[in-house]
N, C-alpha and C. Protein backbone atom coordinates (compact mmCIF):
# COMPACT_ATOMS: atom_id res chain seq x y z
N UNK A 1 12.44 -7.69 7.06
CA UNK A 1 12.38 -6.66 6.60
C UNK A 1 10.82 -6.54 6.49
N UNK A 2 10.41 -5.46 6.92
CA UNK A 2 9.00 -5.38 7.04
C UNK A 2 8.62 -4.09 6.12
N UNK A 3 8.13 -4.10 5.58
CA UNK A 3 7.07 -3.09 4.14
C UNK A 3 5.99 -2.64 4.88
N UNK A 4 6.04 -1.08 4.51
CA UNK A 4 4.88 -0.41 4.67
C UNK A 4 4.61 0.44 3.44
N UNK A 5 3.51 0.06 3.27
CA UNK A 5 2.51 0.94 2.03
C UNK A 5 2.23 2.09 2.24
N UNK A 6 1.97 3.37 1.81
CA UNK A 6 0.93 4.59 1.56
C UNK A 6 0.61 4.52 0.31
N UNK A 7 -0.72 3.94 -0.14
CA UNK A 7 -0.88 3.81 -1.68
C UNK A 7 -1.35 5.04 -2.00
N UNK A 8 -1.59 5.35 -3.13
CA UNK A 8 -2.51 6.18 -4.38
C UNK A 8 -2.77 5.91 -5.34
N UNK A 9 -3.49 6.75 -6.14
CA UNK A 9 -3.79 5.65 -7.95
C UNK A 9 -2.89 5.64 -8.63
N UNK A 10 -2.64 4.39 -8.65
CA UNK A 10 -1.33 4.05 -9.60
C UNK A 10 -0.25 3.84 -9.06
N UNK A 11 0.25 4.68 -8.24
CA UNK A 11 2.06 4.82 -7.62
C UNK A 11 1.44 4.42 -5.64
N UNK A 12 2.77 4.50 -4.80
CA UNK A 12 2.23 4.45 -3.87
C UNK A 12 4.20 4.68 -3.23
N UNK A 13 3.84 5.29 -1.83
CA UNK A 13 5.16 5.04 -1.10
C UNK A 13 5.70 3.76 -0.22
N UNK A 14 7.01 3.19 -0.42
CA UNK A 14 7.04 1.67 0.31
C UNK A 14 7.99 2.53 1.10
N UNK A 15 7.98 1.89 2.53
CA UNK A 15 8.85 2.30 3.06
C UNK A 15 9.50 0.55 4.14
N UNK A 16 10.66 0.39 4.11
CA UNK A 16 10.92 -0.45 4.44
C UNK A 16 12.13 -0.57 5.76
N UNK A 17 11.23 -1.30 7.01
CA UNK A 17 12.48 -1.17 7.94
C UNK A 17 12.73 -2.40 8.62
N UNK A 18 13.38 -2.32 9.18
CA UNK A 18 14.53 -3.13 9.75
C UNK A 18 13.69 -3.70 10.92
N UNK A 19 14.57 -5.24 11.31
CA UNK A 19 13.34 -5.58 12.88
C UNK A 19 13.71 -4.07 13.79
N UNK A 20 14.85 -3.71 14.13
CA UNK A 20 14.53 -2.79 14.92
C UNK A 20 14.29 -1.04 14.89
N UNK A 21 13.39 -1.20 13.73
CA UNK A 21 12.90 0.00 13.50
C UNK A 21 13.28 0.87 12.22
N UNK A 22 14.74 0.78 11.84
CA UNK A 22 15.37 1.46 11.37
C UNK A 22 15.15 1.50 9.61
N UNK A 23 15.02 2.80 9.30
CA UNK A 23 14.27 2.23 7.88
C UNK A 23 15.62 2.38 6.74
N UNK A 24 15.78 0.92 5.86
CA UNK A 24 16.24 0.53 5.38
C UNK A 24 16.35 0.51 3.49
N UNK A 25 14.89 1.47 3.38
CA UNK A 25 14.76 1.66 1.83
C UNK A 25 13.66 2.47 2.28
N UNK A 26 13.15 3.83 0.97
CA UNK A 26 12.45 4.10 1.15
C UNK A 26 12.10 4.54 -0.45
N UNK A 27 10.99 4.23 -0.92
CA UNK A 27 10.87 4.85 -2.65
C UNK A 27 9.74 5.03 -2.76
N UNK A 28 9.32 5.22 -3.91
CA UNK A 28 7.84 5.64 -4.81
C UNK A 28 8.26 4.01 -5.91
N UNK A 29 6.91 3.41 -5.61
CA UNK A 29 6.92 2.43 -6.38
C UNK A 29 5.94 2.68 -7.04
N UNK A 30 5.58 2.20 -8.79
CA UNK A 30 4.53 2.31 -9.71
C UNK A 30 3.89 0.84 -9.52
N UNK A 31 2.35 1.46 -9.31
CA UNK A 31 1.64 -0.03 -9.16
C UNK A 31 0.31 0.07 -10.39
N UNK A 32 1.12 0.68 -11.58
CA UNK A 32 0.41 0.40 -12.56
C UNK A 32 1.03 0.80 -13.75
N UNK A 33 0.71 0.41 -15.11
CA UNK A 33 1.46 0.88 -16.34
C UNK A 33 1.31 2.16 -16.57
N UNK A 34 2.59 2.73 -17.41
CA UNK A 34 1.89 3.61 -18.19
C UNK A 34 1.07 3.65 -18.83
N UNK A 35 0.52 4.87 -19.59
CA UNK A 35 -0.64 4.94 -20.06
C UNK A 35 -2.27 4.53 -20.17
N UNK A 36 -1.67 4.08 -18.15
CA UNK A 36 -3.57 3.06 -18.48
C UNK A 36 -4.14 3.52 -17.35
N UNK A 37 -5.28 4.25 -17.34
CA UNK A 37 -6.25 4.63 -16.50
C UNK A 37 -5.79 4.14 -15.08
N UNK A 38 -5.49 5.17 -13.70
CA UNK A 38 -5.50 4.87 -12.75
C UNK A 38 -6.80 4.79 -12.07
N UNK A 39 -7.84 5.21 -12.62
CA UNK A 39 -8.88 5.23 -11.68
C UNK A 39 -10.14 4.98 -12.49
N UNK A 40 -10.27 3.28 -12.84
CA UNK A 40 -11.20 3.03 -13.95
C UNK A 40 -12.55 3.20 -13.37
N UNK A 41 -12.94 3.12 -11.84
CA UNK A 41 -14.43 3.27 -11.41
C UNK A 41 -14.54 4.55 -11.18
N UNK A 42 -13.83 5.65 -10.03
CA UNK A 42 -14.23 6.74 -10.17
C UNK A 42 -13.57 7.72 -10.97
N UNK A 43 -12.82 7.88 -12.48
CA UNK A 43 -13.38 8.81 -13.08
C UNK A 43 -13.42 7.80 -15.13
N UNK A 44 -12.65 7.06 -15.36
CA UNK A 44 -12.26 6.16 -16.77
C UNK A 44 -13.78 5.97 -16.98
N UNK A 45 -14.50 5.07 -16.32
CA UNK A 45 -15.60 4.14 -16.26
C UNK A 45 -16.98 4.81 -15.98
N UNK A 46 -16.71 6.15 -15.56
CA UNK A 46 -18.59 6.98 -15.29
C UNK A 46 -18.99 6.72 -16.92
N UNK A 47 -18.82 7.13 -18.04
CA UNK A 47 -19.40 7.34 -19.15
C UNK A 47 -19.94 5.75 -19.51
N UNK A 48 -18.92 4.63 -19.06
CA UNK A 48 -19.54 3.33 -19.91
C UNK A 48 -20.69 2.72 -19.54
N UNK A 49 -21.02 1.58 -20.05
CA UNK A 49 -22.20 0.78 -19.70
C UNK A 49 -21.55 0.13 -18.10
N UNK A 50 -22.29 -1.07 -17.76
CA UNK A 50 -21.80 -2.12 -16.99
C UNK A 50 -20.36 -3.19 -17.56
N UNK A 51 -20.90 -3.51 -18.90
CA UNK A 51 -20.15 -4.35 -19.23
C UNK A 51 -18.75 -3.84 -20.49
N UNK A 52 -18.64 -2.96 -20.66
CA UNK A 52 -17.39 -1.74 -20.60
C UNK A 52 -16.71 -1.32 -19.56
N UNK A 53 -17.68 -1.16 -18.50
CA UNK A 53 -16.52 -0.71 -17.21
C UNK A 53 -15.86 -1.97 -16.75
N UNK A 54 -16.56 -3.15 -16.92
CA UNK A 54 -16.08 -4.52 -15.76
C UNK A 54 -14.92 -4.81 -17.65
N UNK A 55 -14.72 -4.45 -18.38
CA UNK A 55 -13.56 -4.87 -19.08
C UNK A 55 -12.76 -4.04 -18.92
N UNK A 56 -13.02 -2.44 -18.46
CA UNK A 56 -12.05 -1.65 -18.48
C UNK A 56 -11.16 -1.72 -17.21
N UNK A 57 -11.78 -2.40 -16.09
CA UNK A 57 -11.55 -2.75 -14.58
C UNK A 57 -10.59 -3.90 -15.27
N UNK A 58 -10.78 -5.15 -15.57
CA UNK A 58 -10.47 -5.85 -16.00
C UNK A 58 -8.85 -5.85 -17.00
N UNK A 59 -8.62 -4.54 -17.32
CA UNK A 59 -7.50 -4.19 -18.01
C UNK A 59 -6.73 -3.87 -17.24
N UNK A 60 -6.80 -2.72 -16.18
CA UNK A 60 -6.54 -2.00 -15.25
C UNK A 60 -6.29 -2.64 -14.32
N UNK A 61 -6.42 -3.92 -14.03
CA UNK A 61 -6.61 -4.71 -12.84
C UNK A 61 -5.17 -5.74 -13.41
N UNK A 62 -5.45 -5.71 -14.84
CA UNK A 62 -4.19 -6.88 -14.81
C UNK A 62 -2.57 -6.23 -15.36
N UNK A 63 -2.97 -4.80 -15.60
CA UNK A 63 -1.88 -4.11 -15.85
C UNK A 63 -1.12 -3.74 -14.60
N UNK A 64 -2.32 -3.29 -13.15
CA UNK A 64 -1.82 -3.04 -12.38
C UNK A 64 -0.96 -4.24 -11.15
N UNK A 65 -1.64 -5.97 -11.95
CA UNK A 65 -0.31 -6.84 -11.56
C UNK A 65 0.56 -6.80 -11.45
N UNK A 66 0.69 -6.76 -13.03
CA UNK A 66 2.02 -6.51 -13.63
C UNK A 66 3.08 -5.23 -13.26
N UNK A 67 2.69 -4.07 -13.06
CA UNK A 67 3.30 -3.30 -12.70
C UNK A 67 3.67 -3.32 -11.02
N UNK A 68 3.04 -3.70 -10.38
CA UNK A 68 3.01 -4.18 -8.96
C UNK A 68 4.15 -5.15 -8.65
N UNK A 69 3.91 -6.36 -9.37
CA UNK A 69 4.44 -7.22 -8.82
C UNK A 69 5.97 -6.92 -9.51
N UNK A 70 6.72 -6.41 -10.58
CA UNK A 70 7.86 -5.52 -11.04
C UNK A 70 7.89 -4.94 -9.52
N UNK A 71 7.59 -4.14 -9.25
CA UNK A 71 7.83 -3.14 -8.32
C UNK A 71 8.04 -3.75 -7.17
N UNK A 72 7.69 -4.83 -6.79
CA UNK A 72 7.58 -5.93 -5.56
C UNK A 72 9.14 -6.87 -5.40
N UNK A 73 9.17 -6.79 -6.82
CA UNK A 73 10.67 -7.94 -6.65
C UNK A 73 11.78 -6.66 -7.39
N UNK A 74 11.58 -5.67 -7.37
CA UNK A 74 12.54 -4.64 -7.73
C UNK A 74 13.07 -4.74 -5.87
N UNK A 75 11.41 -3.98 -5.36
CA UNK A 75 12.53 -4.06 -4.08
C UNK A 75 12.76 -5.06 -3.34
N UNK A 76 12.09 -6.13 -3.22
CA UNK A 76 13.23 -7.08 -2.54
C UNK A 76 14.43 -7.41 -3.20
N UNK A 77 14.98 -7.37 -4.34
CA UNK A 77 16.04 -7.59 -4.45
C UNK A 77 17.24 -6.56 -4.05
N UNK A 78 16.42 -5.26 -4.22
CA UNK A 78 17.66 -4.10 -3.58
C UNK A 78 17.57 -4.05 -1.95
N UNK A 79 17.00 -5.00 -1.46
CA UNK A 79 16.97 -4.96 0.08
C UNK A 79 18.27 -5.94 0.38
N UNK A 80 18.67 -5.97 1.92
CA UNK A 80 19.95 -6.39 2.37
C UNK A 80 19.14 -8.03 3.04
N UNK A 81 17.98 -8.00 3.15
CA UNK A 81 17.31 -9.50 3.72
C UNK A 81 15.98 -9.81 3.18
N UNK A 82 15.35 -10.83 3.76
CA UNK A 82 14.05 -11.28 2.98
C UNK A 82 13.14 -10.26 3.43
N UNK A 83 11.95 -9.96 2.80
CA UNK A 83 11.23 -9.36 3.03
C UNK A 83 9.94 -10.01 4.32
N UNK A 84 9.36 -10.12 5.03
CA UNK A 84 8.73 -10.68 5.92
C UNK A 84 7.26 -10.56 6.01
N UNK A 85 6.99 -9.04 6.40
CA UNK A 85 5.80 -8.55 5.77
C UNK A 85 5.58 -7.10 5.14
N UNK A 86 4.01 -6.88 4.69
CA UNK A 86 4.01 -5.44 3.68
C UNK A 86 2.76 -5.22 4.97
N UNK A 87 2.70 -3.89 4.76
CA UNK A 87 1.73 -3.55 5.82
C UNK A 87 0.82 -2.45 4.54
N UNK A 88 -1.02 -2.69 5.18
CA UNK A 88 -1.67 -1.61 4.01
C UNK A 88 -2.82 -1.33 4.55
N UNK A 89 -3.15 -0.28 4.10
CA UNK A 89 -4.85 0.52 4.67
C UNK A 89 -5.73 -0.51 4.60
N UNK A 90 -6.36 -0.62 5.71
CA UNK A 90 -7.44 -1.97 5.51
C UNK A 90 -8.63 -1.29 4.71
N UNK A 91 -9.35 -2.48 4.20
CA UNK A 91 -10.59 -1.90 3.38
C UNK A 91 -11.65 -3.22 4.17
N UNK A 92 -12.74 -2.46 4.33
CA UNK A 92 -13.86 -3.25 4.26
C UNK A 92 -14.05 -4.23 4.35
N UNK A 93 -14.40 -5.53 4.78
CA UNK A 93 -14.07 -7.23 4.42
C UNK A 93 -15.77 -6.91 3.56
N UNK A 94 -16.17 -6.27 3.68
CA UNK A 94 -17.92 -6.71 3.34
C UNK A 94 -17.57 -5.44 1.79
N UNK A 95 -16.31 -5.24 1.36
CA UNK A 95 -16.75 -4.21 0.22
C UNK A 95 -16.80 -5.49 -1.03
N UNK A 96 -18.21 -4.87 -1.84
CA UNK A 96 -18.56 -5.53 -2.77
C UNK A 96 -17.58 -5.84 -3.99
N UNK A 97 -17.47 -7.25 -5.14
CA UNK A 97 -16.65 -7.65 -6.13
C UNK A 97 -17.11 -7.04 -7.37
N UNK A 98 -18.82 -6.79 -7.41
CA UNK A 98 -19.81 -6.67 -8.37
C UNK A 98 -19.30 -5.22 -8.70
N UNK A 99 -18.59 -5.36 -10.16
CA UNK A 99 -18.30 -3.89 -10.67
C UNK A 99 -19.55 -2.40 -10.83
N UNK A 100 -20.61 -3.29 -11.16
CA UNK A 100 -22.04 -2.71 -11.13
C UNK A 100 -22.23 -2.20 -9.91
N UNK A 101 -21.70 -2.58 -8.80
CA UNK A 101 -22.30 -2.40 -7.23
C UNK A 101 -21.41 -0.96 -7.01
N UNK A 102 -19.80 -1.34 -7.35
CA UNK A 102 -18.59 -0.73 -7.32
C UNK A 102 -19.00 0.79 -7.17
N UNK A 103 -19.21 0.76 -8.70
CA UNK A 103 -20.39 1.74 -9.56
C UNK A 103 -21.06 2.97 -8.98
N UNK A 104 -21.51 2.77 -7.76
CA UNK A 104 -22.52 3.22 -7.33
C UNK A 104 -21.73 4.23 -6.17
N UNK A 105 -22.58 4.61 -5.78
CA UNK A 105 -22.28 5.25 -4.34
C UNK A 105 -22.70 4.32 -2.53
N UNK A 106 -21.90 4.26 -2.06
CA UNK A 106 -20.90 4.83 -1.65
C UNK A 106 -19.58 4.40 -2.18
N UNK A 107 -19.49 2.99 -3.01
CA UNK A 107 -18.47 2.42 -3.18
C UNK A 107 -17.70 3.14 -4.39
N UNK A 108 -17.95 3.99 -5.10
CA UNK A 108 -17.37 4.14 -6.48
C UNK A 108 -16.44 5.11 -6.04
N UNK A 109 -16.03 5.95 -4.79
CA UNK A 109 -15.19 6.73 -4.68
C UNK A 109 -14.04 5.89 -4.03
N UNK A 110 -14.17 4.43 -3.14
CA UNK A 110 -12.90 4.13 -3.10
C UNK A 110 -12.88 2.42 -3.72
N UNK A 111 -13.53 2.58 -4.50
CA UNK A 111 -13.04 0.95 -5.65
C UNK A 111 -11.99 0.93 -5.76
N UNK A 112 -11.85 2.03 -6.69
CA UNK A 112 -10.26 1.95 -7.15
C UNK A 112 -8.93 1.76 -6.54
N UNK A 113 -9.05 2.77 -4.98
CA UNK A 113 -8.24 2.59 -4.03
C UNK A 113 -8.10 0.96 -3.77
N UNK A 114 -9.42 0.23 -3.03
CA UNK A 114 -9.28 -1.19 -3.04
C UNK A 114 -8.98 -1.94 -3.58
N UNK A 115 -8.97 -1.95 -5.19
CA UNK A 115 -8.30 -2.73 -5.92
C UNK A 115 -6.77 -2.82 -5.50
N UNK A 116 -6.34 -1.89 -5.67
CA UNK A 116 -4.86 -1.43 -5.38
C UNK A 116 -4.53 -2.16 -4.33
N UNK A 117 -5.60 -1.85 -3.07
CA UNK A 117 -4.77 -2.77 -2.12
C UNK A 117 -4.61 -4.14 -1.96
N UNK A 118 -6.02 -4.77 -2.78
CA UNK A 118 -6.55 -6.04 -3.11
C UNK A 118 -4.83 -6.55 -3.62
N UNK A 119 -4.72 -6.24 -5.10
CA UNK A 119 -3.31 -6.60 -5.54
C UNK A 119 -2.38 -6.36 -4.89
N UNK A 120 -1.83 -5.55 -4.15
CA UNK A 120 -0.74 -5.59 -3.29
C UNK A 120 -0.77 -7.00 -2.55
N UNK A 121 -2.07 -7.08 -1.75
CA UNK A 121 -1.83 -8.22 -0.76
C UNK A 121 -1.87 -9.49 -1.31
N UNK A 122 -2.62 -9.67 -2.69
CA UNK A 122 -2.88 -11.13 -3.25
C UNK A 122 -1.36 -11.39 -3.60
N UNK A 123 -0.37 -10.32 -3.99
CA UNK A 123 1.32 -10.32 -4.68
C UNK A 123 2.13 -10.95 -3.43
N UNK A 124 1.94 -10.32 -2.11
CA UNK A 124 2.49 -10.26 -1.10
C UNK A 124 2.11 -11.94 -0.62
N UNK A 125 0.96 -12.29 -0.68
CA UNK A 125 0.48 -13.45 -0.25
C UNK A 125 1.65 -14.40 -1.46
N UNK A 126 1.22 -14.36 -2.59
CA UNK A 126 2.15 -15.29 -3.31
C UNK A 126 3.61 -15.51 -3.09
N UNK A 127 4.04 -14.37 -2.43
CA UNK A 127 5.39 -14.38 -1.98
C UNK A 127 5.75 -14.63 -1.20
N UNK A 128 4.97 -15.34 -0.39
CA UNK A 128 5.12 -16.29 1.81
C UNK A 128 4.99 -14.55 2.16
N UNK A 129 4.87 -13.38 1.91
CA UNK A 129 4.81 -12.13 3.27
C UNK A 129 3.85 -12.46 3.75
N UNK A 130 3.64 -12.32 5.48
CA UNK A 130 2.83 -12.10 5.99
C UNK A 130 1.94 -10.85 5.36
N UNK A 131 0.85 -10.59 5.93
CA UNK A 131 0.01 -9.03 5.13
C UNK A 131 -0.58 -8.92 6.20
N UNK A 132 -0.26 -7.47 6.65
CA UNK A 132 -1.07 -6.50 8.13
C UNK A 132 -1.77 -5.49 7.71
N UNK A 133 -2.99 -5.36 8.26
CA UNK A 133 -3.94 -4.17 7.23
C UNK A 133 -3.87 -3.05 8.72
N UNK A 134 -3.64 -1.77 8.36
CA UNK A 134 -3.93 -0.88 9.54
C UNK A 134 -4.99 0.36 9.16
N UNK A 135 -5.10 1.02 9.90
CA UNK A 135 -6.47 2.18 9.92
C UNK A 135 -5.01 3.48 10.00
N UNK A 136 -5.09 4.03 8.81
CA UNK A 136 -4.64 5.50 8.65
C UNK A 136 -4.71 6.42 10.07
N UNK A 137 -5.75 6.27 10.22
CA UNK A 137 -6.10 7.55 11.04
C UNK A 137 -5.26 7.27 12.42
N UNK A 138 -5.28 6.00 12.74
CA UNK A 138 -4.42 6.04 14.24
C UNK A 138 -3.04 5.08 14.14
N UNK A 139 -2.69 4.69 13.41
CA UNK A 139 -1.70 3.66 12.76
C UNK A 139 0.00 4.43 13.41
N UNK A 140 -0.23 5.55 13.36
CA UNK A 140 0.98 6.43 13.92
C UNK A 140 0.71 6.67 15.46
N UNK A 141 -0.45 6.65 16.06
CA UNK A 141 -0.68 7.06 17.42
C UNK A 141 0.03 5.40 18.06
N UNK A 142 -0.60 4.30 17.32
CA UNK A 142 -0.44 3.22 18.09
C UNK A 142 1.42 2.68 17.55
N UNK A 143 2.16 3.34 16.68
CA UNK A 143 3.76 3.26 16.71
C UNK A 143 4.28 3.96 18.04
N UNK A 144 3.78 4.85 18.18
CA UNK A 144 4.41 6.17 18.99
C UNK A 144 3.80 5.46 20.09
N UNK A 145 3.01 4.75 20.33
CA UNK A 145 2.40 3.98 21.71
C UNK A 145 3.47 2.88 22.28
N UNK A 146 3.70 1.80 20.83
CA UNK A 146 4.71 0.97 21.17
C UNK A 146 5.90 1.38 21.02
N UNK A 147 6.49 2.23 20.63
CA UNK A 147 8.06 2.71 21.01
C UNK A 147 8.27 3.61 22.02
N UNK A 148 7.22 4.34 22.57
CA UNK A 148 7.28 4.74 23.61
C UNK A 148 8.10 6.08 23.50
N UNK A 149 9.44 6.43 24.31
CA UNK A 149 10.45 7.49 24.48
C UNK A 149 11.21 7.43 23.09
N UNK A 150 11.18 6.28 22.12
CA UNK A 150 12.03 6.39 21.02
C UNK A 150 10.95 6.92 19.99
N UNK A 151 9.76 7.14 20.02
CA UNK A 151 8.87 7.42 19.00
C UNK A 151 8.93 8.55 18.09
N UNK A 152 9.36 9.89 18.71
CA UNK A 152 10.13 11.18 17.79
C UNK A 152 11.56 10.37 16.59
N UNK A 153 11.99 9.98 17.66
CA UNK A 153 13.71 9.39 16.56
C UNK A 153 13.37 8.26 15.43
N UNK A 154 12.39 7.83 16.11
CA UNK A 154 12.13 6.91 14.86
C UNK A 154 11.05 7.01 14.04
N UNK A 155 10.08 7.89 14.08
CA UNK A 155 9.39 8.30 13.09
C UNK A 155 9.45 9.45 12.46
N UNK A 156 10.11 10.62 13.26
CA UNK A 156 10.73 11.66 12.47
C UNK A 156 12.21 11.71 12.25
N UNK A 157 13.27 10.94 12.52
CA UNK A 157 14.22 10.74 12.52
C UNK A 157 14.70 11.04 11.17
N UNK A 158 14.16 9.78 10.55
CA UNK A 158 14.61 9.58 8.85
C UNK A 158 14.99 10.27 7.88
N UNK A 159 13.92 11.99 8.65
CA UNK A 159 13.89 12.87 7.69
C UNK A 159 15.68 13.57 7.74
N UNK A 160 16.22 13.70 9.14
CA UNK A 160 17.37 13.89 9.35
C UNK A 160 18.11 13.14 8.40
N UNK A 161 18.09 12.23 9.07
CA UNK A 161 19.38 10.95 8.36
C UNK A 161 19.27 10.42 6.51
N UNK A 162 18.38 10.64 6.37
CA UNK A 162 18.18 10.56 4.90
C UNK A 162 17.92 11.66 4.00
N UNK A 163 17.10 12.87 4.79
CA UNK A 163 16.99 13.77 3.73
C UNK A 163 15.63 13.25 3.41
N UNK A 164 15.03 14.71 2.52
CA UNK A 164 13.90 14.65 2.31
C UNK A 164 13.95 13.65 1.11
N UNK A 165 13.00 13.20 0.32
CA UNK A 165 11.06 13.59 1.09
C UNK A 165 11.02 12.24 2.43
N UNK A 166 10.58 13.00 3.68
CA UNK A 166 10.08 12.58 4.74
C UNK A 166 8.69 12.93 4.91
N UNK A 167 7.42 12.82 4.51
CA UNK A 167 6.46 13.37 5.00
C UNK A 167 5.75 12.51 5.75
N UNK A 168 4.12 12.78 5.35
CA UNK A 168 2.89 11.75 6.10
C UNK A 168 3.04 10.52 5.61
N UNK A 169 3.07 10.48 4.70
CA UNK A 169 3.42 8.94 3.48
C UNK A 169 4.36 8.10 4.70
N UNK A 170 5.29 8.99 4.51
CA UNK A 170 6.51 7.84 4.89
C UNK A 170 6.40 7.66 6.42
N UNK A 171 6.15 8.36 7.27
CA UNK A 171 6.04 8.28 8.71
C UNK A 171 4.49 7.13 8.60
N UNK A 172 3.84 7.00 7.94
CA UNK A 172 2.27 6.39 8.44
C UNK A 172 3.34 4.98 7.99
N UNK A 173 3.33 4.76 6.78
CA UNK A 173 3.73 3.34 6.02
C UNK A 173 5.15 2.61 7.23
N UNK A 174 5.70 3.72 7.73
CA UNK A 174 6.96 3.20 8.28
C UNK A 174 6.29 2.76 10.20
N UNK A 175 5.08 3.59 10.90
CA UNK A 175 4.88 2.74 11.33
C UNK A 175 3.53 1.72 11.27
N UNK A 176 3.37 1.96 10.25
CA UNK A 176 2.53 0.58 9.82
C UNK A 176 3.49 -0.52 9.89
N UNK A 177 4.50 -0.59 9.43
CA UNK A 177 5.74 -1.93 10.02
C UNK A 177 5.80 -1.76 11.47
N UNK A 178 5.97 -1.13 12.43
CA UNK A 178 6.15 -0.76 13.39
C UNK A 178 5.22 -1.69 14.19
N UNK A 179 3.70 -1.35 14.15
CA UNK A 179 2.36 -2.25 14.57
C UNK A 179 2.75 -3.57 14.32
N UNK A 180 2.81 -3.72 12.48
CA UNK A 180 2.41 -4.88 12.24
C UNK A 180 4.09 -6.16 13.29
N UNK A 181 4.95 -5.53 13.43
CA UNK A 181 5.86 -5.84 14.55
C UNK A 181 5.65 -6.56 15.87
N UNK A 182 4.87 -5.61 16.08
CA UNK A 182 4.12 -5.60 17.66
C UNK A 182 3.39 -6.81 17.60
N UNK A 183 2.05 -6.65 16.64
CA UNK A 183 1.00 -7.59 16.61
C UNK A 183 1.88 -8.90 16.42
N UNK A 184 2.75 -9.26 16.03
CA UNK A 184 3.49 -10.63 15.64
C UNK A 184 4.03 -11.38 16.29
N UNK A 185 4.06 -10.18 17.60
CA UNK A 185 5.36 -10.85 18.87
C UNK A 185 4.63 -11.18 20.04
């Protein structure tokens, strides 16, 4: 089973596909506990000094690790087979770790998003799952190229078979699992 993630602030769409690219599961997963700020750098930490912002980020990161871990465990236990990979939108390899730097342009608009992806990647590694990264701008085109004449059926067919919701996030997450499978072989 391969899982593709299309994340947002505090939650994500997770699409799980089999080796033949059939959707086995699709769901919304929580990436943060209720009542915890979803965007500690971009929104909630703006009025804080660096030390207080760092404290807030640490609390949010701990909450995100707990919630995301529980969501991944719940997903894994619901599937008919083991998860072998998790696909996430890539982030810059040189993205700063320092909270004071993250609070400045151009990083502050992306820091919270990167935090969620880093936590997802860390938790996937802990579970022994391969982690694949994708570029959201072209992953659907890459998947379509891999699938050739099956592209429409595989990427758009789940809406007819499963019913809504089946939106861009779902297609992106599924496409990411297809690209991950192709890069592994």
